[in-house]
């Protein structure tokens, strides 16, 4: 069975991991802002290419898109995000 784009966009996402790069010195501010977002289940500081990791839970890809575009990427100090969507085997 092949899903049309319209059906696929409403599919359940459940869990995603969002990697964030921040402006230098803004890690704590961004971390604090992430903890205020209801869809963010966990937030972790990282060493390496990315500065923060947020575990999020969303009911649909549309909700995930809204979370990223209207909330997470609008936080002052966020330079870049990368989204990893968890799947079941």
Foldseek 3Di string as FASTA:
>chain_A
DDDDPVVQQFAFQFKKKKFWAFDPPCLVVLQVQLVVDPQFPDKDADPDPTGIITIGTDGGNVRVVCCVPVRNVPRHGTDDMDMGGDDDD
